[in-house]
Amino acid sequence: CGSPRAGTRTGSAAGSMAAAPVLAQLKNADGYADIAARVKPSADAAWDVPSGSIVEWVEEWVECEFDKQRGFVKAKNLPDVASRSPGDLLEVRDSFAGNTETCMRRHAEQDASKGNVLCYVENGPDKLKLIERWVECRWRGHRNFVKARHVQPAPAGAKL
């Protein structure tokens, strides 16, 4: 799937600092009518979102294994993850210039508190084993997670 983040963000005509939300379209990659949405990746499906729905794209997370631990790293810190398959070893390159390692979290949340940080993984090739890619999104005001293979860029002119 192509990342909706590659699309252009637009602000108001007055040049406001607030960016418009990045929109994506959910389309079941397996041909079913719905996509299973979860409140967190480790949870059972909470509800089904109709294929074709427009959502607000929040963040892409990668579920992975490192040194007997299983957790989540932001996709932006894993070059070429979109072209990789479960079981592949991934390169780690923190997206913030100058950082030599990236944070691996227990839960796919922006929370970097001690309770959510599993460890820090040093930059370099073949550091993490890919389990699954997840997209955090908002649909009808609800935060949820769907498998990244079901997420596509929104069509031109799409609105929530």
N, C-alpha and C. Protein backbone atom coordinates (compact mmCIF):
# COMPACT_ATOMS: atom_id res chain seq x y z
N CYS A 1 0.84 -1.18 0.00
CA CYS A 1 0.00 0.00 0.00
C CYS A 1 0.88 1.23 0.00
N GLY A 2 0.43 2.29 -0.61
CA GLY A 2 1.16 3.54 -0.59
C GLY A 2 0.76 4.32 0.64
N SER A 3 1.70 4.95 1.29
CA SER A 3 1.40 5.69 2.51
C SER A 3 0.67 6.98 2.19
N PRO A 4 -0.48 7.21 2.85
CA PRO A 4 -1.18 8.47 2.65
C PRO A 4 -0.34 9.66 3.07
N ARG A 5 0.66 9.45 3.90
CA ARG A 5 1.53 10.55 4.34
C ARG A 5 2.28 11.15 3.18
N ALA A 6 2.41 10.43 2.10
CA ALA A 6 3.11 10.96 0.94
C ALA A 6 2.29 12.06 0.26
N GLY A 7 1.00 12.14 0.59
CA GLY A 7 0.13 13.15 -0.01
C GLY A 7 0.43 14.53 0.54
N THR A 8 -0.17 15.51 -0.05
CA THR A 8 0.04 16.89 0.36
C THR A 8 -0.93 17.27 1.46
N ARG A 9 -0.41 17.91 2.47
CA ARG A 9 -1.27 18.45 3.53
C ARG A 9 -1.61 19.87 3.13
N THR A 10 -2.81 20.26 3.44
CA THR A 10 -3.20 21.62 3.12
C THR A 10 -3.76 22.29 4.35
N GLY A 11 -3.46 23.56 4.51
CA GLY A 11 -3.99 24.34 5.62
C GLY A 11 -5.10 25.24 5.10
N SER A 12 -5.50 26.19 5.91
CA SER A 12 -6.55 27.12 5.48
C SER A 12 -5.99 28.11 4.47
N ALA A 13 -6.88 28.80 3.79
CA ALA A 13 -6.47 29.79 2.80
C ALA A 13 -5.68 30.93 3.44
N ALA A 14 -5.88 31.15 4.73
CA ALA A 14 -5.18 32.22 5.43
C ALA A 14 -3.78 31.80 5.84
N GLY A 15 -3.39 30.56 5.56
CA GLY A 15 -2.04 30.12 5.90
C GLY A 15 -1.91 29.70 7.35
N SER A 16 -2.93 29.19 7.93
CA SER A 16 -2.92 28.74 9.32
C SER A 16 -1.83 27.70 9.54
N MET A 17 -1.29 27.66 10.74
CA MET A 17 -0.28 26.68 11.11
C MET A 17 -0.89 25.29 11.26
N ALA A 18 -2.18 25.20 11.51
CA ALA A 18 -2.82 23.89 11.67
C ALA A 18 -2.93 23.21 10.31
N ALA A 19 -2.44 21.99 10.25
CA ALA A 19 -2.50 21.23 9.01
C ALA A 19 -3.82 20.48 8.93
N ALA A 20 -4.29 20.35 7.72
CA ALA A 20 -5.51 19.57 7.51
C ALA A 20 -5.18 18.10 7.79
N PRO A 21 -6.14 17.33 8.25
CA PRO A 21 -5.85 15.91 8.51
C PRO A 21 -5.50 15.18 7.22
N VAL A 22 -4.65 14.18 7.35
CA VAL A 22 -4.31 13.33 6.21
C VAL A 22 -5.39 12.26 6.13
N LEU A 23 -6.02 12.15 4.98
CA LEU A 23 -7.10 11.18 4.80
C LEU A 23 -6.60 9.95 4.07
N ALA A 24 -7.23 8.83 4.37
CA ALA A 24 -6.92 7.57 3.71
C ALA A 24 -8.24 6.85 3.44
N GLN A 25 -8.18 5.90 2.54
CA GLN A 25 -9.35 5.09 2.25
C GLN A 25 -9.05 3.65 2.66
N LEU A 26 -10.01 3.05 3.37
CA LEU A 26 -9.87 1.65 3.73
C LEU A 26 -10.50 0.80 2.63
N LYS A 27 -9.74 -0.16 2.18
CA LYS A 27 -10.24 -1.08 1.14
C LYS A 27 -9.70 -2.46 1.48
N ASN A 28 -10.60 -3.39 1.71
CA ASN A 28 -10.18 -4.72 2.12
C ASN A 28 -9.34 -5.38 1.03
N ALA A 29 -8.09 -5.67 1.36
CA ALA A 29 -7.15 -6.25 0.40
C ALA A 29 -7.50 -7.69 0.04
N ASP A 30 -8.38 -8.31 0.82
CA ASP A 30 -8.77 -9.69 0.57
C ASP A 30 -10.11 -9.81 -0.14
N GLY A 31 -10.73 -8.66 -0.46
CA GLY A 31 -11.98 -8.67 -1.21
C GLY A 31 -13.25 -8.73 -0.38
N TYR A 32 -13.13 -8.73 0.93
CA TYR A 32 -14.33 -8.77 1.78
C TYR A 32 -14.98 -7.39 1.86
N ALA A 33 -16.20 -7.33 2.36
CA ALA A 33 -16.96 -6.08 2.41
C ALA A 33 -16.51 -5.16 3.54
N ASP A 34 -15.88 -5.71 4.58
CA ASP A 34 -15.50 -4.91 5.75
C ASP A 34 -14.03 -5.14 6.11
N ILE A 35 -13.52 -4.25 6.97
CA ILE A 35 -12.18 -4.35 7.51
C ILE A 35 -12.31 -4.42 9.02
N ALA A 36 -11.64 -5.38 9.65
CA ALA A 36 -11.68 -5.51 11.11
C ALA A 36 -10.88 -4.37 11.73
N ALA A 37 -11.51 -3.63 12.63
CA ALA A 37 -10.86 -2.53 13.35
C ALA A 37 -10.72 -2.94 14.81
N ARG A 38 -9.62 -2.53 15.41
CA ARG A 38 -9.33 -2.88 16.79
C ARG A 38 -9.05 -1.62 17.59
N VAL A 39 -9.29 -1.65 18.90
CA VAL A 39 -8.96 -0.51 19.74
C VAL A 39 -7.45 -0.44 19.97
N LYS A 40 -6.77 -1.57 19.85
CA LYS A 40 -5.32 -1.66 19.85
C LYS A 40 -4.95 -2.92 19.08
N PRO A 41 -3.75 -2.98 18.50
CA PRO A 41 -3.41 -4.12 17.66
C PRO A 41 -3.54 -5.48 18.34
N SER A 42 -3.30 -5.56 19.64
CA SER A 42 -3.35 -6.84 20.33
C SER A 42 -4.76 -7.28 20.71
N ALA A 43 -5.74 -6.41 20.51
CA ALA A 43 -7.13 -6.71 20.88
C ALA A 43 -7.84 -7.48 19.76
N ASP A 44 -8.92 -8.16 20.15
CA ASP A 44 -9.78 -8.78 19.14
C ASP A 44 -10.47 -7.65 18.36
N ALA A 45 -10.95 -7.98 17.18
CA ALA A 45 -11.66 -6.97 16.38
C ALA A 45 -12.85 -6.44 17.18
N ALA A 46 -12.94 -5.12 17.29
CA ALA A 46 -14.02 -4.49 18.05
C ALA A 46 -15.23 -4.21 17.16
N TRP A 47 -14.99 -3.87 15.90
CA TRP A 47 -16.07 -3.59 14.97
C TRP A 47 -15.53 -3.72 13.55
N ASP A 48 -16.43 -3.75 12.60
CA ASP A 48 -16.05 -3.80 11.19
C ASP A 48 -16.30 -2.44 10.56
N VAL A 49 -15.33 -1.98 9.79
CA VAL A 49 -15.45 -0.73 9.06
C VAL A 49 -15.72 -1.11 7.60
N PRO A 50 -16.75 -0.52 6.99
CA PRO A 50 -17.05 -0.86 5.59
C PRO A 50 -15.89 -0.51 4.65
N SER A 51 -15.56 -1.43 3.76
CA SER A 51 -14.54 -1.18 2.75
C SER A 51 -14.96 0.05 1.95
N GLY A 52 -14.03 0.93 1.65
CA GLY A 52 -14.33 2.17 0.94
C GLY A 52 -14.45 3.37 1.86
N SER A 53 -14.47 3.14 3.18
CA SER A 53 -14.60 4.24 4.15
C SER A 53 -13.39 5.15 4.11
N ILE A 54 -13.64 6.43 4.31
CA ILE A 54 -12.57 7.43 4.43
C ILE A 54 -12.29 7.64 5.91
N VAL A 55 -10.99 7.61 6.27
CA VAL A 55 -10.57 7.76 7.66
C VAL A 55 -9.49 8.83 7.76
N GLU A 56 -9.27 9.31 8.97
CA GLU A 56 -8.13 10.19 9.23
C GLU A 56 -6.95 9.31 9.60
N TRP A 57 -5.87 9.42 8.83
CA TRP A 57 -4.66 8.63 9.04
C TRP A 57 -3.86 9.31 10.13
N VAL A 58 -3.54 8.59 11.22
CA VAL A 58 -2.83 9.18 12.36
C VAL A 58 -1.35 8.80 12.36
N GLU A 59 -1.06 7.50 12.34
CA GLU A 59 0.33 7.03 12.43
C GLU A 59 0.40 5.60 11.93
N GLU A 60 1.55 5.22 11.40
CA GLU A 60 1.78 3.81 11.05
C GLU A 60 2.75 3.22 12.06
N TRP A 61 2.38 2.07 12.60
CA TRP A 61 3.17 1.35 13.59
C TRP A 61 3.56 0.00 13.04
N VAL A 62 4.72 -0.49 13.45
CA VAL A 62 5.18 -1.80 13.02
C VAL A 62 5.34 -2.68 14.26
N GLU A 63 4.60 -3.77 14.26
CA GLU A 63 4.73 -4.76 15.33
C GLU A 63 5.95 -5.61 14.97
N CYS A 64 6.87 -5.77 15.92
CA CYS A 64 8.11 -6.47 15.60
C CYS A 64 8.68 -7.17 16.84
N GLU A 65 9.67 -8.00 16.58
CA GLU A 65 10.40 -8.70 17.64
C GLU A 65 11.85 -8.24 17.63
N PHE A 66 12.40 -8.13 18.86
CA PHE A 66 13.80 -7.77 19.03
C PHE A 66 14.28 -8.38 20.33
N ASP A 67 15.30 -9.21 20.25
CA ASP A 67 15.94 -9.75 21.46
C ASP A 67 14.91 -10.33 22.43
N LYS A 68 14.04 -11.21 21.94
CA LYS A 68 13.00 -11.90 22.73
C LYS A 68 11.87 -11.00 23.22
N GLN A 69 11.83 -9.77 22.74
CA GLN A 69 10.76 -8.85 23.11
C GLN A 69 9.89 -8.57 21.89
N ARG A 70 8.61 -8.35 22.12
CA ARG A 70 7.67 -8.04 21.05
C ARG A 70 7.04 -6.69 21.37
N GLY A 71 7.11 -5.77 20.41
CA GLY A 71 6.56 -4.44 20.64
C GLY A 71 6.34 -3.70 19.34
N PHE A 72 6.31 -2.36 19.44
CA PHE A 72 5.94 -1.50 18.31
C PHE A 72 6.95 -0.39 18.10
N VAL A 73 7.26 -0.14 16.84
CA VAL A 73 8.15 0.95 16.43
C VAL A 73 7.41 1.72 15.35
N LYS A 74 7.56 3.05 15.35
CA LYS A 74 6.94 3.84 14.29
C LYS A 74 7.57 3.49 12.94
N ALA A 75 6.74 3.35 11.93
CA ALA A 75 7.21 2.96 10.59
C ALA A 75 8.22 3.96 10.02
N LYS A 76 8.11 5.22 10.40
CA LYS A 76 9.03 6.23 9.85
C LYS A 76 10.48 5.96 10.26
N ASN A 77 10.69 5.09 11.25
CA ASN A 77 12.04 4.75 11.70
C ASN A 77 12.56 3.45 11.08
N LEU A 78 11.80 2.90 10.14
CA LEU A 78 12.15 1.63 9.51
C LEU A 78 12.10 1.78 7.99
N PRO A 79 13.21 2.19 7.37
CA PRO A 79 13.22 2.42 5.92
C PRO A 79 12.76 1.18 5.16
N ASP A 80 12.01 1.37 4.12
CA ASP A 80 11.55 0.31 3.22
C ASP A 80 10.64 -0.72 3.87
N VAL A 81 10.07 -0.44 5.04
CA VAL A 81 9.21 -1.43 5.69
C VAL A 81 7.97 -1.74 4.84
N ALA A 82 7.50 -0.77 4.06
CA ALA A 82 6.30 -0.97 3.24
C ALA A 82 6.50 -2.05 2.18
N SER A 83 7.73 -2.30 1.80
CA SER A 83 8.00 -3.30 0.76
C SER A 83 8.44 -4.64 1.36
N ARG A 84 8.39 -4.77 2.67
CA ARG A 84 8.85 -5.98 3.34
C ARG A 84 7.68 -6.85 3.77
N SER A 85 7.97 -8.11 4.08
CA SER A 85 6.95 -9.10 4.45
C SER A 85 7.17 -9.59 5.88
N PRO A 86 6.11 -10.08 6.53
CA PRO A 86 6.27 -10.65 7.87
C PRO A 86 7.38 -11.70 7.87
N GLY A 87 8.22 -11.63 8.91
CA GLY A 87 9.36 -12.53 9.04
C GLY A 87 10.66 -11.92 8.56
N ASP A 88 10.59 -10.87 7.72
CA ASP A 88 11.80 -10.20 7.23
C ASP A 88 12.48 -9.45 8.37
N LEU A 89 13.80 -9.33 8.26
CA LEU A 89 14.56 -8.49 9.19
C LEU A 89 14.61 -7.08 8.63
N LEU A 90 14.44 -6.11 9.52
CA LEU A 90 14.33 -4.71 9.11
C LEU A 90 15.50 -3.87 9.57
N GLU A 91 15.85 -2.90 8.75
CA GLU A 91 16.83 -1.89 9.13
C GLU A 91 16.15 -0.87 10.04
N VAL A 92 16.89 -0.42 11.05
CA VAL A 92 16.42 0.65 11.93
C VAL A 92 17.24 1.89 11.63
N ARG A 93 16.53 3.01 11.40
CA ARG A 93 17.19 4.30 11.21
C ARG A 93 16.26 5.36 11.77
N ASP A 94 16.54 5.81 12.98
CA ASP A 94 15.66 6.78 13.62
C ASP A 94 15.49 8.00 12.72
N SER A 95 14.26 8.48 12.61
CA SER A 95 13.95 9.58 11.69
C SER A 95 14.46 10.93 12.18
N PHE A 96 14.82 11.04 13.44
CA PHE A 96 15.33 12.31 13.97
C PHE A 96 16.84 12.33 13.78
N ALA A 97 17.32 13.30 13.01
CA ALA A 97 18.75 13.40 12.71
C ALA A 97 19.57 13.43 14.00
N GLY A 98 20.60 12.64 14.03
CA GLY A 98 21.48 12.60 15.19
C GLY A 98 21.17 11.48 16.18
N ASN A 99 19.95 10.94 16.15
CA ASN A 99 19.62 9.83 17.05
C ASN A 99 20.30 8.55 16.55
N THR A 100 20.89 7.80 17.46
CA THR A 100 21.58 6.56 17.09
C THR A 100 20.76 5.32 17.41
N GLU A 101 19.57 5.53 17.97
CA GLU A 101 18.68 4.42 18.30
C GLU A 101 17.24 4.91 18.27
N THR A 102 16.31 3.96 18.25
CA THR A 102 14.89 4.32 18.23
C THR A 102 14.16 3.55 19.31
N CYS A 103 13.04 4.08 19.73
CA CYS A 103 12.26 3.55 20.83
C CYS A 103 11.33 2.42 20.37
N MET A 104 11.37 1.30 21.11
CA MET A 104 10.43 0.21 20.89
C MET A 104 9.46 0.22 22.07
N ARG A 105 8.16 0.31 21.76
CA ARG A 105 7.14 0.47 22.80
C ARG A 105 6.34 -0.81 23.02
N ARG A 106 5.79 -0.95 24.23
CA ARG A 106 4.90 -2.08 24.55
C ARG A 106 3.60 -1.97 23.76
N HIS A 107 3.07 -0.75 23.69
CA HIS A 107 1.79 -0.48 23.03
C HIS A 107 2.01 0.54 21.92
N ALA A 108 1.23 0.47 20.88
CA ALA A 108 1.32 1.39 19.75
C ALA A 108 0.68 2.72 20.15
N GLU A 109 1.39 3.45 21.00
CA GLU A 109 0.93 4.75 21.50
C GLU A 109 2.10 5.71 21.54
N GLN A 110 1.82 6.98 21.38
CA GLN A 110 2.84 8.01 21.41
C GLN A 110 3.52 8.11 22.78
N ASP A 111 2.98 7.48 23.78
CA ASP A 111 3.49 7.50 25.14
C ASP A 111 4.90 6.91 25.22
N ALA A 112 5.88 7.74 25.59
CA ALA A 112 7.26 7.28 25.74
C ALA A 112 7.65 7.22 27.22
N SER A 113 6.66 7.03 28.09
CA SER A 113 6.96 6.91 29.52
C SER A 113 7.65 5.58 29.80
N LYS A 114 8.25 5.49 30.95
CA LYS A 114 8.98 4.29 31.34
C LYS A 114 8.10 3.03 31.24
N GLY A 115 6.82 3.14 31.55
CA GLY A 115 5.92 2.00 31.50
C GLY A 115 5.63 1.49 30.10
N ASN A 116 5.80 2.33 29.08
CA ASN A 116 5.49 1.91 27.72
C ASN A 116 6.75 1.62 26.89
N VAL A 117 7.91 2.00 27.37
CA VAL A 117 9.14 1.77 26.61
C VAL A 117 9.70 0.40 26.96
N LEU A 118 9.81 -0.45 25.94
CA LEU A 118 10.43 -1.77 26.15
C LEU A 118 11.95 -1.65 26.14
N CYS A 119 12.47 -0.96 25.12
CA CYS A 119 13.91 -0.82 24.96
C CYS A 119 14.19 0.20 23.86
N TYR A 120 15.46 0.48 23.66
CA TYR A 120 15.91 1.29 22.54
C TYR A 120 16.73 0.39 21.63
N VAL A 121 16.45 0.47 20.32
CA VAL A 121 17.11 -0.38 19.34
C VAL A 121 18.09 0.48 18.56
N GLU A 122 19.34 0.06 18.52
CA GLU A 122 20.39 0.78 17.82
C GLU A 122 20.14 0.79 16.31
N ASN A 123 20.44 1.91 15.66
CA ASN A 123 20.34 2.01 14.21
C ASN A 123 21.22 0.95 13.56
N GLY A 124 20.76 0.40 12.44
CA GLY A 124 21.57 -0.55 11.68
C GLY A 124 20.70 -1.54 10.95
N PRO A 125 21.33 -2.34 10.07
CA PRO A 125 20.59 -3.32 9.28
C PRO A 125 20.20 -4.56 10.10
N ASP A 126 19.13 -5.21 9.67
CA ASP A 126 18.70 -6.50 10.23
C ASP A 126 18.55 -6.49 11.75
N LYS A 127 17.89 -5.47 12.27
CA LYS A 127 17.75 -5.32 13.73
C LYS A 127 16.44 -5.88 14.27
N LEU A 128 15.36 -5.76 13.51
CA LEU A 128 14.03 -6.15 13.99
C LEU A 128 13.39 -7.15 13.05
N LYS A 129 12.60 -8.06 13.60
CA LYS A 129 11.84 -9.01 12.79
C LYS A 129 10.42 -8.48 12.64
N LEU A 130 9.98 -8.30 11.41
CA LEU A 130 8.64 -7.78 11.11
C LEU A 130 7.57 -8.82 11.43
N ILE A 131 6.59 -8.42 12.23
CA ILE A 131 5.43 -9.26 12.53
C ILE A 131 4.23 -8.77 11.71
N GLU A 132 3.87 -7.48 11.86
CA GLU A 132 2.70 -6.91 11.16
C GLU A 132 2.83 -5.39 11.14
N ARG A 133 2.26 -4.79 10.08
CA ARG A 133 2.19 -3.33 9.99
C ARG A 133 0.76 -2.91 10.30
N TRP A 134 0.61 -1.85 11.12
CA TRP A 134 -0.70 -1.35 11.55
C TRP A 134 -0.79 0.14 11.26
N VAL A 135 -1.99 0.59 10.92
CA VAL A 135 -2.25 2.02 10.76
C VAL A 135 -3.24 2.43 11.85
N GLU A 136 -2.82 3.43 12.60
CA GLU A 136 -3.70 4.05 13.60
C GLU A 136 -4.51 5.10 12.85
N CYS A 137 -5.82 5.04 12.98
CA CYS A 137 -6.67 6.00 12.27
C CYS A 137 -7.89 6.36 13.11
N ARG A 138 -8.62 7.36 12.65
CA ARG A 138 -9.87 7.74 13.29
C ARG A 138 -10.99 7.58 12.27
N TRP A 139 -12.03 6.89 12.69
CA TRP A 139 -13.22 6.68 11.86
C TRP A 139 -14.43 7.01 12.71
N ARG A 140 -15.22 7.97 12.22
CA ARG A 140 -16.42 8.42 12.94
C ARG A 140 -16.09 8.81 14.38
N GLY A 141 -14.93 9.45 14.56
CA GLY A 141 -14.53 9.94 15.87
C GLY A 141 -13.87 8.93 16.77
N HIS A 142 -13.74 7.69 16.33
CA HIS A 142 -13.16 6.63 17.15
C HIS A 142 -11.74 6.30 16.70
N ARG A 143 -10.83 6.25 17.64
CA ARG A 143 -9.45 5.83 17.36
C ARG A 143 -9.45 4.32 17.21
N ASN A 144 -8.79 3.82 16.16
CA ASN A 144 -8.70 2.38 15.96
C ASN A 144 -7.46 2.03 15.16
N PHE A 145 -7.22 0.74 15.04
CA PHE A 145 -6.08 0.22 14.29
C PHE A 145 -6.60 -0.79 13.27
N VAL A 146 -6.03 -0.70 12.06
CA VAL A 146 -6.33 -1.66 11.01
C VAL A 146 -5.00 -2.12 10.41
N LYS A 147 -4.99 -3.30 9.84
CA LYS A 147 -3.77 -3.77 9.20
C LYS A 147 -3.45 -2.86 8.01
N ALA A 148 -2.18 -2.50 7.88
CA ALA A 148 -1.77 -1.51 6.88
C ALA A 148 -2.08 -1.93 5.45
N ARG A 149 -2.18 -3.23 5.18
CA ARG A 149 -2.44 -3.66 3.80
C ARG A 149 -3.83 -3.26 3.32
N HIS A 150 -4.70 -2.84 4.24
CA HIS A 150 -6.05 -2.42 3.88
C HIS A 150 -6.18 -0.90 3.71
N VAL A 151 -5.06 -0.17 3.79
CA VAL A 151 -5.08 1.30 3.77
C VAL A 151 -4.47 1.81 2.47
N GLN A 152 -5.21 2.72 1.82
CA GLN A 152 -4.76 3.32 0.57
C GLN A 152 -4.89 4.83 0.67
N PRO A 153 -4.19 5.58 -0.17
CA PRO A 153 -4.42 7.01 -0.19
C PRO A 153 -5.88 7.31 -0.55
N ALA A 154 -6.42 8.35 0.04
CA ALA A 154 -7.80 8.73 -0.25
C ALA A 154 -7.88 9.29 -1.67
N PRO A 155 -9.04 9.07 -2.33
CA PRO A 155 -9.20 9.66 -3.67
C PRO A 155 -9.22 11.20 -3.58
N ALA A 156 -8.85 11.83 -4.66
CA ALA A 156 -8.86 13.30 -4.72
C ALA A 156 -10.23 13.83 -4.33
N GLY A 157 -10.27 14.85 -3.49
CA GLY A 157 -11.52 15.47 -3.08
C GLY A 157 -12.25 14.76 -1.95
N ALA A 158 -11.66 13.69 -1.41
CA ALA A 158 -12.32 12.94 -0.33
C ALA A 158 -12.46 13.81 0.91
N LYS A 159 -13.54 13.59 1.63
CA LYS A 159 -13.82 14.32 2.87
C LYS A 159 -14.29 13.32 3.91
N LEU A 160 -14.07 13.69 5.18
CA LEU A 160 -14.55 12.83 6.28
C LEU A 160 -16.04 12.94 6.42
